[in-house]
C-alpha atoms as a PDB file:
ATOM      1  CA  UNK A   1       0.000   0.000   0.000  1.00  0.00           C
ATOM      2  CA  UNK A   2       1.276   3.467  -0.936  1.00  0.00           C
ATOM      3  CA  UNK A   3       1.678   6.216   1.643  1.00  0.00           C
ATOM      4  CA  UNK A   4      -1.036   8.870   1.358  1.00  0.00           C
ATOM      5  CA  UNK A   5       1.187  11.577  -0.128  1.00  0.00           C
ATOM      6  CA  UNK A   6       2.553   9.268  -2.830  1.00  0.00           C
ATOM      7  CA  UNK A   7      -0.956   7.998  -3.573  1.00  0.00           C
ATOM      8  CA  UNK A   8      -2.210  11.562  -4.066  1.00  0.00           C
ATOM      9  CA  UNK A   9       0.758  12.433  -6.306  1.00  0.00           C
ATOM     10  CA  UNK A  10       0.235   9.334  -8.436  1.00  0.00           C
ATOM     11  CA  UNK A  11      -3.445  10.222  -8.746  1.00  0.00           C
ATOM     12  CA  UNK A  12      -2.568  13.721 -10.010  1.00  0.00           C
ATOM     13  CA  UNK A  13      -0.019  12.299 -12.462  1.00  0.00           C
ATOM     14  CA  UNK A  14      -2.605   9.805 -13.713  1.00  0.00           C
ATOM     15  CA  UNK A  15      -5.154  12.557 -14.327  1.00  0.00           C
ATOM     16  CA  UNK A  16      -2.772  15.030 -15.980  1.00  0.00           C
ATOM     17  CA  UNK A  17      -1.131  12.496 -18.287  1.00  0.00           C
ATOM     18  CA  UNK A  18      -4.258  10.351 -18.822  1.00  0.00           C
ATOM     19  CA  UNK A  19      -2.507   7.116 -17.897  1.00  0.00           C
ATOM     20  CA  UNK A  20      -3.582   4.339 -15.522  1.00  0.00           C
ATOM     21  CA  UNK A  21      -2.419   4.668 -11.920  1.00  0.00           C
ATOM     22  CA  UNK A  22      -0.876   1.192 -12.224  1.00  0.00           C
ATOM     23  CA  UNK A  23       1.454   2.424 -14.978  1.00  0.00           C
ATOM     24  CA  UNK A  24       3.068   5.051 -12.731  1.00  0.00           C
ATOM     25  CA  UNK A  25       6.174   3.830 -10.947  1.00  0.00           C
ATOM     26  CA  UNK A  26       9.199   5.552  -9.381  1.00  0.00           C
ATOM     27  CA  UNK A  27      10.759   6.064 -12.824  1.00  0.00           C
ATOM     28  CA  UNK A  28       7.689   7.732 -14.338  1.00  0.00           C
ATOM     29  CA  UNK A  29       8.689  11.093 -15.802  1.00  0.00           C
ATOM     30  CA  UNK A  30       9.624  12.947 -18.966  1.00  0.00           C
ATOM     31  CA  UNK A  31      12.030  10.184 -20.011  1.00  0.00           C
ATOM     32  CA  UNK A  32       9.400   7.441 -19.781  1.00  0.00           C
ATOM     33  CA  UNK A  33       6.121   9.208 -20.619  1.00  0.00           C
ATOM     34  CA  UNK A  34       5.715  10.185 -24.270  1.00  0.00           C
ATOM     35  CA  UNK A  35       2.877  12.552 -23.358  1.00  0.00           C
ATOM     36  CA  UNK A  36       5.158  14.644 -21.118  1.00  0.00           C
ATOM     37  CA  UNK A  37       5.997  17.967 -22.744  1.00  0.00           C
ATOM     38  CA  UNK A  38       6.338  21.545 -21.475  1.00  0.00           C
ATOM     39  CA  UNK A  39       2.591  22.184 -21.575  1.00  0.00           C
ATOM     40  CA  UNK A  40       1.836  18.978 -19.666  1.00  0.00           C
ATOM     41  CA  UNK A  41       4.533  19.930 -17.144  1.00  0.00           C
ATOM     42  CA  UNK A  42       2.780  23.252 -16.543  1.00  0.00           C
ATOM     43  CA  UNK A  43      -0.561  21.466 -16.229  1.00  0.00           C
ATOM     44  CA  UNK A  44       1.056  19.139 -13.691  1.00  0.00           C
ATOM     45  CA  UNK A  45       2.287  22.080 -11.615  1.00  0.00           C
ATOM     46  CA  UNK A  46      -1.169  23.675 -11.640  1.00  0.00           C
ATOM     47  CA  UNK A  47      -2.850  20.370 -10.749  1.00  0.00           C
ATOM     48  CA  UNK A  48      -0.417  19.818  -7.855  1.00  0.00           C
ATOM     49  CA  UNK A  49      -1.008  23.345  -6.566  1.00  0.00           C
ATOM     50  CA  UNK A  50      -4.760  22.775  -6.763  1.00  0.00           C
ATOM     51  CA  UNK A  51      -4.687  19.326  -5.138  1.00  0.00           C
ATOM     52  CA  UNK A  52      -2.359  20.307  -2.310  1.00  0.00           C
ATOM     53  CA  UNK A  53      -3.572  23.923  -1.873  1.00  0.00           C
ATOM     54  CA  UNK A  54      -0.087  25.342  -2.217  1.00  0.00           C
ATOM     55  CA  UNK A  55       2.050  27.581  -4.398  1.00  0.00           C
ATOM     56  CA  UNK A  56       5.123  25.902  -5.835  1.00  0.00           C
ATOM     57  CA  UNK A  57       8.209  28.101  -6.030  1.00  0.00           C
ATOM     58  CA  UNK A  58       9.175  28.641  -9.678  1.00  0.00           C
ATOM     59  CA  UNK A  59      12.723  27.505  -8.820  1.00  0.00           C
ATOM     60  CA  UNK A  60      11.325  24.089  -7.814  1.00  0.00           C
ATOM     61  CA  UNK A  61       9.266  23.530 -10.975  1.00  0.00           C
ATOM     62  CA  UNK A  62      12.088  21.885 -12.989  1.00  0.00           C
ATOM     63  CA  UNK A  63      12.527  19.334 -10.163  1.00  0.00           C
ATOM     64  CA  UNK A  64       8.962  18.026 -10.478  1.00  0.00           C
ATOM     65  CA  UNK A  65       9.826  15.164 -12.812  1.00  0.00           C
ATOM     66  CA  UNK A  66       9.267  11.938 -10.846  1.00  0.00           C
ATOM     67  CA  UNK A  67       6.847  10.944  -8.098  1.00  0.00           C
ATOM     68  CA  UNK A  68       9.737  10.867  -5.615  1.00  0.00           C
ATOM     69  CA  UNK A  69      11.014  14.328  -6.535  1.00  0.00           C
ATOM     70  CA  UNK A  70       7.486  15.744  -6.385  1.00  0.00           C
ATOM     71  CA  UNK A  71       7.075  14.228  -2.934  1.00  0.00           C
ATOM     72  CA  UNK A  72      10.432  15.681  -1.835  1.00  0.00           C
ATOM     73  CA  UNK A  73       9.562  19.185  -3.048  1.00  0.00           C
ATOM     74  CA  UNK A  74       6.090  19.142  -1.495  1.00  0.00           C
ATOM     75  CA  UNK A  75       7.426  17.686   1.745  1.00  0.00           C
ATOM     76  CA  UNK A  76      10.054  20.422   1.990  1.00  0.00           C
ATOM     77  CA  UNK A  77       7.219  22.938   1.652  1.00  0.00           C
ATOM     78  CA  UNK A  78       5.430  21.328   4.593  1.00  0.00           C
ATOM     79  CA  UNK A  79       2.580  20.113   2.414  1.00  0.00           C
ATOM     80  CA  UNK A  80       0.597  17.139   3.669  1.00  0.00           C
ATOM     81  CA  UNK A  81      -1.677  14.800   1.746  1.00  0.00           C
END
């Protein structure tokens, strides 16, 4: 069973990239998802901000490329699932 934060992140990734939750693993990101482009990355940022009621620092946006990195960035911001 996934921790709550990771589960929420995977759910957002699934919605933004229109892929099944089961297809999202720790390596999911721009290198493994053909649908991932700059527009989708922006949509991901907006979806994360909406889901977690936060504002992501523009300097952190390039780091949001895997579930683990997203979790690290959000955790450093004090965001909880």
